[in-house]
Amino acid sequence: MTNTGRALRFLPVSKSQAYPTIREPETLYLDLPIHPPYDVCDAYDAIAMMEIPITEGVTLGWKVSRMQFVDGLGRDVHFDCPNIVITGGQNLGQKPVSLYVVAAFYDAADRLLSCQTSEHCVQAWERYDVPGLWSRFPFPVSEIARVTMRITVTGCEIQTRMGEEKPPIQSKPNKKEFKKEWKRAGHVVGIHGFQKWNPGKGELLYATEPLTKENRLRFRLERRENQRFQFLALVTSTDPSANETKWDNLIQYVLYDGSGRICHGGSCMGMGNHGEYVSLVPILPEILDSESLSIEYVVWEGPTGTL
C-alpha cells in the first residue's frame, strides 16, 4: 500500500452538491473529542462520531469492550478497553478496499493512554467493518478525553466533499522531549516519554534503557518482514527483582511524522514475568523510510492483576 501523505479535508454538504472522486490513496487525519460516559455501560454499544467519506453509510464511532485476560497467577481479570468502530455501507466496487487505521486515546492533559493499528481489506460487496482496533486500558475510561486517528484508504474512489477546507491536524508538532514518572493507585508505576527519532535502515530501530523501578523493564522496536508485508515488532525484556512477587507490564506507543501527525502505534502486555513478549503491528513501508519521526510511549508496571 502506498500513501500520498496528503490530508483529506471535508465538511458536511447537502446531497445536491457534487462529489468529485479521487482514484489514488488518501489519508484522513482526525482529532476528535470524546465525552467520557457517565456510566461505562452507556458505551458498550458503539457511539457514532462522524460519517467517513468512503461510500454512503460508513460511520466512525467508539465503544467500550469488556475484555477478559488471565493474569500472572492464572486468574481471570476483566478490563473495559476503548475500541474504535468503522462500520456501515458496502464496498460496491469490483475490487477490495484496504484501510490502514491508527487510533490513539489521550487524557485531558494530552497524555497518551492507549493505541492500536489495524490493516484490513474489505472485499467487493462486503460490508465495511474494521476489526482489531481495541486497546488495553486497565484504568477508568472516564480519563479518556479525545482520540487522534489516521485512516489511509486504498482501492476505491473516495468522495471528497466540497466546501471550505480545514488545515490537516497537527497533533504534536512542537512538543519538547521529556521522560516523566507517572504513579497510579495500586502500586502501579509508569514512565511517560516523548522524543525525536530517526529509525535508520537496520533491523533494530529503537531501544530503551531500564524504565521502571520495580522490574527494570526494557523494550525495543524492530523491523520485521513476512511475505512482503512489513511489521514493527515491539519486544519487551525484563530483569526480574530477586523476590517472589509477580509483576505485570503494559506498553503503549505512538509514532508521529515530521509534521506531528499520528502515523503508527501499538501496544504490548506482559503477565507475571514470563520473559520476552513480541507484538507485531503492520506498518506502511514509507513510515520507516522517514528521517524525521517522533515516538511517544507510556510503560506501566504493577502487581499481577492490576494491568
C-alpha atoms as a PDB file:
ATOM      1  CA  MET A   1       0.000   0.000   0.000  1.00  0.00           C
ATOM      2  CA  THR A   2       1.242   3.491  -0.763  1.00  0.00           C
ATOM      3  CA  ASN A   3       0.154   6.827   0.627  1.00  0.00           C
ATOM      4  CA  THR A   4       0.215  10.275  -0.906  1.00  0.00           C
ATOM      5  CA  GLY A   5       0.742  11.862   2.503  1.00  0.00           C
ATOM      6  CA  ARG A   6      -1.988  14.371   1.763  1.00  0.00           C
ATOM      7  CA  ALA A   7      -4.704  15.058   4.290  1.00  0.00           C
ATOM      8  CA  LEU A   8      -8.278  14.539   3.189  1.00  0.00           C
ATOM      9  CA  ARG A   9     -10.299  17.568   4.294  1.00  0.00           C
ATOM     10  CA  PHE A  10     -14.059  17.817   4.180  1.00  0.00           C
ATOM     11  CA  LEU A  11     -17.179  19.452   5.587  1.00  0.00           C
ATOM     12  CA  PRO A  12     -20.799  18.224   5.664  1.00  0.00           C
ATOM     13  CA  VAL A  13     -22.678  19.159   2.496  1.00  0.00           C
ATOM     14  CA  SER A  14     -26.132  18.747   1.074  1.00  0.00           C
ATOM     15  CA  LYS A  15     -26.879  15.865  -1.261  1.00  0.00           C
ATOM     16  CA  SER A  16     -27.267  18.314  -4.141  1.00  0.00           C
ATOM     17  CA  GLN A  17     -23.552  19.168  -4.135  1.00  0.00           C
ATOM     18  CA  ALA A  18     -21.083  17.379  -6.369  1.00  0.00           C
ATOM     19  CA  TYR A  19     -18.764  14.639  -5.107  1.00  0.00           C
ATOM     20  CA  PRO A  20     -15.564  14.575  -7.189  1.00  0.00           C
ATOM     21  CA  THR A  21     -13.727  11.271  -6.974  1.00  0.00           C
ATOM     22  CA  ILE A  22     -10.051  10.640  -6.258  1.00  0.00           C
ATOM     23  CA  ARG A  23      -8.521   7.442  -7.553  1.00  0.00           C
ATOM     24  CA  GLU A  24      -5.268   7.477  -5.597  1.00  0.00           C
ATOM     25  CA  PRO A  25      -4.774   6.543  -1.914  1.00  0.00           C
ATOM     26  CA  GLU A  26      -5.914   9.204   0.509  1.00  0.00           C
ATOM     27  CA  THR A  27      -5.419   9.782   4.210  1.00  0.00           C
ATOM     28  CA  LEU A  28      -7.678  11.354   6.807  1.00  0.00           C
ATOM     29  CA  TYR A  29      -6.113  12.877   9.921  1.00  0.00           C
ATOM     30  CA  LEU A  30      -8.731  13.280  12.627  1.00  0.00           C
ATOM     31  CA  ASP A  31      -8.596  14.680  16.157  1.00  0.00           C
ATOM     32  CA  LEU A  32     -11.934  14.235  17.903  1.00  0.00           C
ATOM     33  CA  PRO A  33     -13.068  14.969  21.464  1.00  0.00           C
ATOM     34  CA  ILE A  34     -14.694  12.180  23.453  1.00  0.00           C
ATOM     35  CA  HIS A  35     -17.047  12.848  26.319  1.00  0.00           C
ATOM     36  CA  PRO A  36     -16.465  10.098  28.866  1.00  0.00           C
ATOM     37  CA  PRO A  37     -19.628   8.129  29.658  1.00  0.00           C
ATOM     38  CA  TYR A  38     -21.283   8.782  32.994  1.00  0.00           C
ATOM     39  CA  ASP A  39     -21.657   5.022  33.251  1.00  0.00           C
ATOM     40  CA  VAL A  40     -19.379   2.667  31.331  1.00  0.00           C
ATOM     41  CA  CYS A  41     -22.443   0.637  30.323  1.00  0.00           C
ATOM     42  CA  ASP A  42     -23.518   3.624  28.210  1.00  0.00           C
ATOM     43  CA  ALA A  43     -20.552   2.947  25.910  1.00  0.00           C
ATOM     44  CA  TYR A  44     -20.905  -0.822  25.437  1.00  0.00           C
ATOM     45  CA  ASP A  45     -22.870  -0.009  22.272  1.00  0.00           C
ATOM     46  CA  ALA A  46     -20.961   1.996  19.678  1.00  0.00           C
ATOM     47  CA  ILE A  47     -21.250   5.784  19.913  1.00  0.00           C
ATOM     48  CA  ALA A  48     -21.165   7.349  16.443  1.00  0.00           C
ATOM     49  CA  MET A  49     -18.727  10.237  15.962  1.00  0.00           C
ATOM     50  CA  MET A  50     -18.951  11.110  12.254  1.00  0.00           C
ATOM     51  CA  GLU A  51     -19.506   9.790   8.749  1.00  0.00           C
ATOM     52  CA  ILE A  52     -16.439   8.802   6.730  1.00  0.00           C
ATOM     53  CA  PRO A  53     -16.469   9.832   3.045  1.00  0.00           C
ATOM     54  CA  ILE A  54     -15.599   6.412   1.627  1.00  0.00           C
ATOM     55  CA  THR A  55     -19.036   5.368   0.480  1.00  0.00           C
ATOM     56  CA  GLU A  56     -22.532   6.091   1.702  1.00  0.00           C
ATOM     57  CA  GLY A  57     -23.288   4.901   5.195  1.00  0.00           C
ATOM     58  CA  VAL A  58     -19.759   4.340   6.540  1.00  0.00           C
ATOM     59  CA  THR A  59     -19.573   5.654  10.112  1.00  0.00           C
ATOM     60  CA  LEU A  60     -16.740   6.162  12.574  1.00  0.00           C
ATOM     61  CA  GLY A  61     -17.534   5.568  16.232  1.00  0.00           C
ATOM     62  CA  TRP A  62     -16.091   4.368  19.516  1.00  0.00           C
ATOM     63  CA  LYS A  63     -17.204   1.963  22.195  1.00  0.00           C
ATOM     64  CA  VAL A  64     -16.023   0.146  25.301  1.00  0.00           C
ATOM     65  CA  SER A  65     -15.330  -3.577  25.038  1.00  0.00           C
ATOM     66  CA  ARG A  66     -15.382  -5.678  28.201  1.00  0.00           C
ATOM     67  CA  MET A  67     -12.283  -7.863  27.701  1.00  0.00           C
ATOM     68  CA  GLN A  68     -11.159 -10.872  29.729  1.00  0.00           C
ATOM     69  CA  PHE A  69      -7.498 -11.692  30.369  1.00  0.00           C
ATOM     70  CA  VAL A  70      -5.542 -14.134  32.505  1.00  0.00           C
ATOM     71  CA  ASP A  71      -3.103 -12.555  34.945  1.00  0.00           C
ATOM     72  CA  GLY A  72       0.303 -13.874  36.015  1.00  0.00           C
ATOM     73  CA  LEU A  73      -1.263 -16.116  38.644  1.00  0.00           C
ATOM     74  CA  GLY A  74      -3.733 -17.713  36.228  1.00  0.00           C
ATOM     75  CA  ARG A  75      -6.737 -15.723  37.477  1.00  0.00           C
ATOM     76  CA  ASP A  76      -9.313 -14.132  35.174  1.00  0.00           C
ATOM     77  CA  VAL A  77      -9.290 -10.340  35.138  1.00  0.00           C
ATOM     78  CA  HIS A  78     -11.633  -8.003  33.252  1.00  0.00           C
ATOM     79  CA  PHE A  79     -10.906  -4.544  31.861  1.00  0.00           C
ATOM     80  CA  ASP A  80     -13.040  -2.045  29.959  1.00  0.00           C
ATOM     81  CA  CYS A  81     -10.999  -1.383  26.813  1.00  0.00           C
ATOM     82  CA  PRO A  82     -11.679   1.507  24.390  1.00  0.00           C
ATOM     83  CA  ASN A  83     -12.486   0.382  20.870  1.00  0.00           C
ATOM     84  CA  ILE A  84     -12.721   2.270  17.549  1.00  0.00           C
ATOM     85  CA  VAL A  85     -15.526   1.152  15.252  1.00  0.00           C
ATOM     86  CA  ILE A  86     -15.671   1.648  11.462  1.00  0.00           C
ATOM     87  CA  THR A  87     -18.803   0.108  10.045  1.00  0.00           C
ATOM     88  CA  GLY A  88     -21.758   0.550   7.704  1.00  0.00           C
ATOM     89  CA  GLY A  89     -22.170   0.690   3.957  1.00  0.00           C
ATOM     90  CA  GLN A  90     -20.860  -1.797   1.411  1.00  0.00           C
ATOM     91  CA  ASN A  91     -17.947  -1.966  -0.962  1.00  0.00           C
ATOM     92  CA  LEU A  92     -19.962  -1.685  -4.152  1.00  0.00           C
ATOM     93  CA  GLY A  93     -16.903  -1.860  -6.373  1.00  0.00           C
ATOM     94  CA  GLN A  94     -15.302  -4.843  -8.057  1.00  0.00           C
ATOM     95  CA  LYS A  95     -12.019  -4.684  -6.106  1.00  0.00           C
ATOM     96  CA  PRO A  96     -11.122  -4.920  -2.417  1.00  0.00           C
ATOM     97  CA  VAL A  97     -10.667  -1.724  -0.427  1.00  0.00           C
ATOM     98  CA  SER A  98      -7.795  -1.595   2.059  1.00  0.00           C
ATOM     99  CA  LEU A  99      -7.963   0.510   5.215  1.00  0.00           C
ATOM    100  CA  TYR A 100      -4.935   1.238   7.383  1.00  0.00           C
ATOM    101  CA  VAL A 101      -6.186   2.718  10.663  1.00  0.00           C
ATOM    102  CA  VAL A 102      -4.232   4.093  13.624  1.00  0.00           C
ATOM    103  CA  ALA A 103      -6.144   5.277  16.698  1.00  0.00           C
ATOM    104  CA  ALA A 104      -4.686   6.713  19.906  1.00  0.00           C
ATOM    105  CA  PHE A 105      -6.588   7.817  23.008  1.00  0.00           C
ATOM    106  CA  TYR A 106      -5.399  10.688  25.229  1.00  0.00           C
ATOM    107  CA  ASP A 107      -6.466  12.244  28.513  1.00  0.00           C
ATOM    108  CA  ALA A 108      -7.297  15.911  29.162  1.00  0.00           C
ATOM    109  CA  ALA A 109      -3.603  16.636  29.866  1.00  0.00           C
ATOM    110  CA  ASP A 110      -2.622  15.345  26.387  1.00  0.00           C
ATOM    111  CA  ARG A 111      -1.004  12.214  27.804  1.00  0.00           C
ATOM    112  CA  LEU A 112      -1.069   9.016  25.762  1.00  0.00           C
ATOM    113  CA  LEU A 113      -3.404   6.380  27.221  1.00  0.00           C
ATOM    114  CA  SER A 114      -3.575   3.648  24.593  1.00  0.00           C
ATOM    115  CA  CYS A 115      -3.090   2.999  20.884  1.00  0.00           C
ATOM    116  CA  GLN A 116      -3.626   0.356  18.229  1.00  0.00           C
ATOM    117  CA  THR A 117      -3.082  -0.069  14.480  1.00  0.00           C
ATOM    118  CA  SER A 118      -5.122  -2.294  12.178  1.00  0.00           C
ATOM    119  CA  GLU A 119      -4.955  -3.069   8.470  1.00  0.00           C
ATOM    120  CA  HIS A 120      -7.988  -4.685   6.889  1.00  0.00           C
ATOM    121  CA  CYS A 121      -9.295  -5.409   3.385  1.00  0.00           C
ATOM    122  CA  VAL A 122     -12.998  -5.090   2.602  1.00  0.00           C
ATOM    123  CA  GLN A 123     -13.755  -7.402  -0.292  1.00  0.00           C
ATOM    124  CA  ALA A 124     -16.089  -6.474  -3.136  1.00  0.00           C
ATOM    125  CA  TRP A 125     -19.704  -6.271  -1.931  1.00  0.00           C
ATOM    126  CA  GLU A 126     -18.699  -6.787   1.696  1.00  0.00           C
ATOM    127  CA  ARG A 127     -19.853  -4.529   4.489  1.00  0.00           C
ATOM    128  CA  TYR A 128     -17.279  -2.150   5.941  1.00  0.00           C
ATOM    129  CA  ASP A 129     -16.167  -3.476   9.328  1.00  0.00           C
ATOM    130  CA  VAL A 130     -12.582  -2.898  10.502  1.00  0.00           C
ATOM    131  CA  PRO A 131     -11.659  -5.248  13.382  1.00  0.00           C
ATOM    132  CA  GLY A 132      -8.773  -5.209  15.827  1.00  0.00           C
ATOM    133  CA  LEU A 133      -8.988  -1.598  16.937  1.00  0.00           C
ATOM    134  CA  TRP A 134      -9.369  -2.113  20.671  1.00  0.00           C
ATOM    135  CA  SER A 135      -6.713  -1.005  23.124  1.00  0.00           C
ATOM    136  CA  ARG A 136      -5.956  -2.390  26.557  1.00  0.00           C
ATOM    137  CA  PHE A 137      -6.577   0.327  29.137  1.00  0.00           C
ATOM    138  CA  PRO A 138      -6.876  -1.051  32.696  1.00  0.00           C
ATOM    139  CA  PHE A 139      -7.904   2.286  34.220  1.00  0.00           C
ATOM    140  CA  PRO A 140     -11.237   4.173  34.347  1.00  0.00           C
ATOM    141  CA  VAL A 141     -12.440   5.057  30.829  1.00  0.00           C
ATOM    142  CA  SER A 142     -13.611   8.386  32.259  1.00  0.00           C
ATOM    143  CA  GLU A 143      -9.993   9.533  31.807  1.00  0.00           C
ATOM    144  CA  ILE A 144     -10.344   9.465  28.009  1.00  0.00           C
ATOM    145  CA  ALA A 145     -10.765  12.961  26.574  1.00  0.00           C
ATOM    146  CA  ARG A 146     -10.001  12.613  22.858  1.00  0.00           C
ATOM    147  CA  VAL A 147      -8.951  10.263  20.074  1.00  0.00           C
ATOM    148  CA  THR A 148      -6.465  11.026  17.296  1.00  0.00           C
ATOM    149  CA  MET A 149      -6.637   8.934  14.127  1.00  0.00           C
ATOM    150  CA  ARG A 150      -5.034   8.287  10.781  1.00  0.00           C
ATOM    151  CA  ILE A 151      -7.181   6.460   8.214  1.00  0.00           C
ATOM    152  CA  THR A 152      -5.482   5.589   4.899  1.00  0.00           C
ATOM    153  CA  VAL A 153      -7.777   4.188   2.205  1.00  0.00           C
ATOM    154  CA  THR A 154      -6.609   2.378  -0.913  1.00  0.00           C
ATOM    155  CA  GLY A 155      -8.602   0.781  -3.723  1.00  0.00           C
ATOM    156  CA  CYS A 156     -11.715   2.891  -4.009  1.00  0.00           C
ATOM    157  CA  GLU A 157     -12.875   6.262  -5.244  1.00  0.00           C
ATOM    158  CA  ILE A 158     -13.113   8.378  -2.114  1.00  0.00           C
ATOM    159  CA  GLN A 159     -15.819  11.006  -2.125  1.00  0.00           C
ATOM    160  CA  THR A 160     -14.266  14.306  -1.089  1.00  0.00           C
ATOM    161  CA  ARG A 161     -16.920  16.773  -0.126  1.00  0.00           C
ATOM    162  CA  MET A 162     -16.902  20.277  -1.494  1.00  0.00           C
ATOM    163  CA  GLY A 163     -16.681  23.181   0.949  1.00  0.00           C
ATOM    164  CA  GLU A 164     -14.279  25.255   2.967  1.00  0.00           C
ATOM    165  CA  GLU A 165     -11.026  23.436   3.575  1.00  0.00           C
ATOM    166  CA  LYS A 166      -9.587  22.947   7.040  1.00  0.00           C
ATOM    167  CA  PRO A 167      -5.860  22.509   7.725  1.00  0.00           C
ATOM    168  CA  PRO A 168      -4.655  18.978   8.497  1.00  0.00           C
ATOM    169  CA  ILE A 169      -4.472  18.038  12.163  1.00  0.00           C
ATOM    170  CA  GLN A 170      -1.125  18.848  13.749  1.00  0.00           C
ATOM    171  CA  SER A 171      -1.068  16.563  16.755  1.00  0.00           C
ATOM    172  CA  LYS A 172       2.242  17.339  18.464  1.00  0.00           C
ATOM    173  CA  PRO A 173       4.424  19.463  16.150  1.00  0.00           C
ATOM    174  CA  ASN A 174       6.263  21.471  18.811  1.00  0.00           C
ATOM    175  CA  LYS A 175       6.333  19.097  21.755  1.00  0.00           C
ATOM    176  CA  LYS A 176       9.597  19.040  23.691  1.00  0.00           C
ATOM    177  CA  GLU A 177      11.366  15.830  24.623  1.00  0.00           C
ATOM    178  CA  PHE A 178      10.705  14.539  28.117  1.00  0.00           C
ATOM    179  CA  LYS A 179      10.570  11.453  30.338  1.00  0.00           C
ATOM    180  CA  LYS A 180       8.420  11.551  33.473  1.00  0.00           C
ATOM    181  CA  GLU A 181       7.315   9.121  36.120  1.00  0.00           C
ATOM    182  CA  TRP A 182       3.560   8.622  36.350  1.00  0.00           C
ATOM    183  CA  LYS A 183       2.390   6.883  39.540  1.00  0.00           C
ATOM    184  CA  ARG A 184      -1.073   5.446  39.928  1.00  0.00           C
ATOM    185  CA  ALA A 185      -3.115   3.643  42.573  1.00  0.00           C
ATOM    186  CA  GLY A 186      -2.450   0.020  43.481  1.00  0.00           C
ATOM    187  CA  HIS A 187       1.360   0.307  43.393  1.00  0.00           C
ATOM    188  CA  VAL A 188       1.326   0.830  39.619  1.00  0.00           C
ATOM    189  CA  VAL A 189       4.250   2.902  38.373  1.00  0.00           C
ATOM    190  CA  GLY A 190       4.558   4.317  34.866  1.00  0.00           C
ATOM    191  CA  ILE A 191       7.065   6.096  32.659  1.00  0.00           C
ATOM    192  CA  HIS A 192       5.751   8.548  30.060  1.00  0.00           C
ATOM    193  CA  GLY A 193       8.209   9.747  27.413  1.00  0.00           C
ATOM    194  CA  PHE A 194       8.454  11.632  24.127  1.00  0.00           C
ATOM    195  CA  GLN A 195      11.469  12.124  21.854  1.00  0.00           C
ATOM    196  CA  LYS A 196      12.541  12.804  18.286  1.00  0.00           C
ATOM    197  CA  TRP A 197      13.642   9.697  16.433  1.00  0.00           C
ATOM    198  CA  ASN A 198      15.309   8.612  13.195  1.00  0.00           C
ATOM    199  CA  PRO A 199      14.598   4.894  12.701  1.00  0.00           C
ATOM    200  CA  GLY A 200      17.547   4.248  10.374  1.00  0.00           C
ATOM    201  CA  LYS A 201      17.911   1.350   7.942  1.00  0.00           C
ATOM    202  CA  GLY A 202      18.715  -1.696  10.074  1.00  0.00           C
ATOM    203  CA  GLU A 203      16.518  -4.199  11.886  1.00  0.00           C
ATOM    204  CA  LEU A 204      16.920  -2.666  15.348  1.00  0.00           C
ATOM    205  CA  LEU A 205      15.161   0.695  15.207  1.00  0.00           C
ATOM    206  CA  TYR A 206      14.792   1.783  18.826  1.00  0.00           C
ATOM    207  CA  ALA A 207      15.857   0.549  22.256  1.00  0.00           C
ATOM    208  CA  THR A 208      15.390   1.873  25.768  1.00  0.00           C
ATOM    209  CA  GLU A 209      17.414   1.673  28.937  1.00  0.00           C
ATOM    210  CA  PRO A 210      15.651   0.197  32.005  1.00  0.00           C
ATOM    211  CA  LEU A 211      12.446   2.159  32.570  1.00  0.00           C
ATOM    212  CA  THR A 212      10.529   1.113  35.669  1.00  0.00           C
ATOM    213  CA  LYS A 213      11.876   0.870  39.203  1.00  0.00           C
ATOM    214  CA  GLU A 214      10.279  -2.422  40.190  1.00  0.00           C
ATOM    215  CA  ASN A 215      11.203  -4.763  37.375  1.00  0.00           C
ATOM    216  CA  ARG A 216      13.757  -2.835  35.295  1.00  0.00           C
ATOM    217  CA  LEU A 217      11.673  -3.259  32.153  1.00  0.00           C
ATOM    218  CA  ARG A 218      13.154  -2.520  28.717  1.00  0.00           C
ATOM    219  CA  PHE A 219      11.639  -2.534  25.244  1.00  0.00           C
ATOM    220  CA  ARG A 220      12.850  -2.225  21.689  1.00  0.00           C
ATOM    221  CA  LEU A 221      11.300  -1.742  18.248  1.00  0.00           C
ATOM    222  CA  GLU A 222      12.483  -3.966  15.408  1.00  0.00           C
ATOM    223  CA  ARG A 223      11.797  -4.071  11.689  1.00  0.00           C
ATOM    224  CA  ARG A 224      10.271  -7.370  10.554  1.00  0.00           C
ATOM    225  CA  GLU A 225       9.123  -8.612   7.147  1.00  0.00           C
ATOM    226  CA  ASN A 226       6.896 -11.566   6.274  1.00  0.00           C
ATOM    227  CA  GLN A 227       5.526 -12.422   2.833  1.00  0.00           C
ATOM    228  CA  ARG A 228       6.461  -8.937   1.595  1.00  0.00           C
ATOM    229  CA  PHE A 229       4.485  -7.247   4.383  1.00  0.00           C
ATOM    230  CA  GLN A 230       6.351  -5.056   6.834  1.00  0.00           C
ATOM    231  CA  PHE A 231       5.773  -5.080  10.586  1.00  0.00           C
ATOM    232  CA  LEU A 232       7.075  -3.185  13.568  1.00  0.00           C
ATOM    233  CA  ALA A 233       7.885  -5.595  16.386  1.00  0.00           C
ATOM    234  CA  LEU A 234       7.584  -4.369  19.951  1.00  0.00           C
ATOM    235  CA  VAL A 235       9.815  -6.622  22.065  1.00  0.00           C
ATOM    236  CA  THR A 236       9.982  -6.370  25.847  1.00  0.00           C
ATOM    237  CA  SER A 237      12.530  -7.859  28.196  1.00  0.00           C
ATOM    238  CA  THR A 238      12.704  -7.835  31.982  1.00  0.00           C
ATOM    239  CA  ASP A 239      15.303  -8.264  34.676  1.00  0.00           C
ATOM    240  CA  PRO A 240      13.106  -9.590  37.484  1.00  0.00           C
ATOM    241  CA  SER A 241      13.691  -8.464  41.035  1.00  0.00           C
ATOM    242  CA  ALA A 242      15.005 -11.121  43.369  1.00  0.00           C
ATOM    243  CA  ASN A 243      11.700 -11.903  45.084  1.00  0.00           C
ATOM    244  CA  GLU A 244       8.570 -13.954  44.554  1.00  0.00           C
ATOM    245  CA  THR A 245       6.323 -11.000  43.647  1.00  0.00           C
ATOM    246  CA  LYS A 246       4.590 -11.318  40.300  1.00  0.00           C
ATOM    247  CA  TRP A 247       4.521  -8.177  38.159  1.00  0.00           C
ATOM    248  CA  ASP A 248       2.536  -7.338  35.039  1.00  0.00           C
ATOM    249  CA  ASN A 249       3.550  -4.735  32.486  1.00  0.00           C
ATOM    250  CA  LEU A 250       1.856  -2.809  29.706  1.00  0.00           C
ATOM    251  CA  ILE A 251       3.463  -0.688  26.968  1.00  0.00           C
ATOM    252  CA  GLN A 252       1.685   1.746  24.643  1.00  0.00           C
ATOM    253  CA  TYR A 253       3.486   3.711  21.921  1.00  0.00           C
ATOM    254  CA  VAL A 254       2.678   6.136  19.096  1.00  0.00           C
ATOM    255  CA  LEU A 255       4.783   7.366  16.181  1.00  0.00           C
ATOM    256  CA  TYR A 256       4.322  10.866  14.705  1.00  0.00           C
ATOM    257  CA  ASP A 257       5.589  12.148  11.361  1.00  0.00           C
ATOM    258  CA  GLY A 258       7.658  15.290  10.827  1.00  0.00           C
ATOM    259  CA  SER A 259       4.526  17.446  10.916  1.00  0.00           C
ATOM    260  CA  GLY A 260       3.399  15.997  14.238  1.00  0.00           C
ATOM    261  CA  ARG A 261       0.623  13.865  12.737  1.00  0.00           C
ATOM    262  CA  ILE A 262      -0.034  10.375  14.025  1.00  0.00           C
ATOM    263  CA  CYS A 263       1.205   7.651  11.666  1.00  0.00           C
ATOM    264  CA  HIS A 264       1.551   4.395  13.641  1.00  0.00           C
ATOM    265  CA  GLY A 265       1.160   2.890  17.091  1.00  0.00           C
ATOM    266  CA  GLY A 266       0.655  -0.231  19.104  1.00  0.00           C
ATOM    267  CA  SER A 267       0.859  -1.924  22.475  1.00  0.00           C
ATOM    268  CA  CYS A 268       2.237  -4.959  24.256  1.00  0.00           C
ATOM    269  CA  MET A 269       1.265  -6.570  27.554  1.00  0.00           C
ATOM    270  CA  GLY A 270       3.230  -8.929  29.793  1.00  0.00           C
ATOM    271  CA  MET A 271       1.806 -11.126  32.531  1.00  0.00           C
ATOM    272  CA  GLY A 272       3.731 -12.395  35.532  1.00  0.00           C
ATOM    273  CA  ASN A 273       7.376 -12.083  34.448  1.00  0.00           C
ATOM    274  CA  HIS A 274       7.106 -14.636  31.671  1.00  0.00           C
ATOM    275  CA  GLY A 275      10.186 -13.315  29.877  1.00  0.00           C
ATOM    276  CA  GLU A 276      10.122 -11.850  26.379  1.00  0.00           C
ATOM    277  CA  TYR A 277       6.981 -10.816  24.516  1.00  0.00           C
ATOM    278  CA  VAL A 278       6.697  -9.853  20.886  1.00  0.00           C
ATOM    279  CA  SER A 279       3.861  -7.769  19.451  1.00  0.00           C
ATOM    280  CA  LEU A 280       3.786  -7.441  15.644  1.00  0.00           C
ATOM    281  CA  VAL A 281       1.910  -4.464  14.205  1.00  0.00           C
ATOM    282  CA  PRO A 282       1.637  -3.836  10.422  1.00  0.00           C
ATOM    283  CA  ILE A 283       3.379  -0.671   9.269  1.00  0.00           C
ATOM    284  CA  LEU A 284       3.440   1.129   5.919  1.00  0.00           C
ATOM    285  CA  PRO A 285       6.974   0.969   4.443  1.00  0.00           C
ATOM    286  CA  GLU A 286       7.120   4.718   3.811  1.00  0.00           C
ATOM    287  CA  ILE A 287       6.759   5.422   7.526  1.00  0.00           C
ATOM    288  CA  LEU A 288      10.038   3.709   8.368  1.00  0.00           C
ATOM    289  CA  ASP A 289      11.715   5.409   5.406  1.00  0.00           C
ATOM    290  CA  SER A 290      11.174   8.780   7.069  1.00  0.00           C
ATOM    291  CA  GLU A 291      14.178  10.526   8.599  1.00  0.00           C
ATOM    292  CA  SER A 292      12.031  12.698  10.862  1.00  0.00           C
ATOM    293  CA  LEU A 293       9.773  10.836  13.290  1.00  0.00           C
ATOM    294  CA  SER A 294       8.850  11.195  16.943  1.00  0.00           C
ATOM    295  CA  ILE A 295       7.898   8.494  19.422  1.00  0.00           C
ATOM    296  CA  GLU A 296       5.684   8.805  22.482  1.00  0.00           C
ATOM    297  CA  TYR A 297       5.345   5.908  24.902  1.00  0.00           C
ATOM    298  CA  VAL A 298       3.896   5.040  28.277  1.00  0.00           C
ATOM    299  CA  VAL A 299       5.124   1.984  30.162  1.00  0.00           C
ATOM    300  CA  TRP A 300       3.142   0.657  33.131  1.00  0.00           C
ATOM    301  CA  GLU A 301       4.200  -1.894  35.712  1.00  0.00           C
ATOM    302  CA  GLY A 302       2.321  -3.187  38.732  1.00  0.00           C
ATOM    303  CA  PRO A 303       1.406  -6.224  40.835  1.00  0.00           C
ATOM    304  CA  THR A 304      -0.147  -9.018  38.833  1.00  0.00           C
ATOM    305  CA  GLY A 305      -3.866  -8.461  38.198  1.00  0.00           C
ATOM    306  CA  THR A 306      -3.569  -4.662  38.112  1.00  0.00           C
ATOM    307  CA  LEU A 307      -2.726  -4.389  34.411  1.00  0.00           C
END
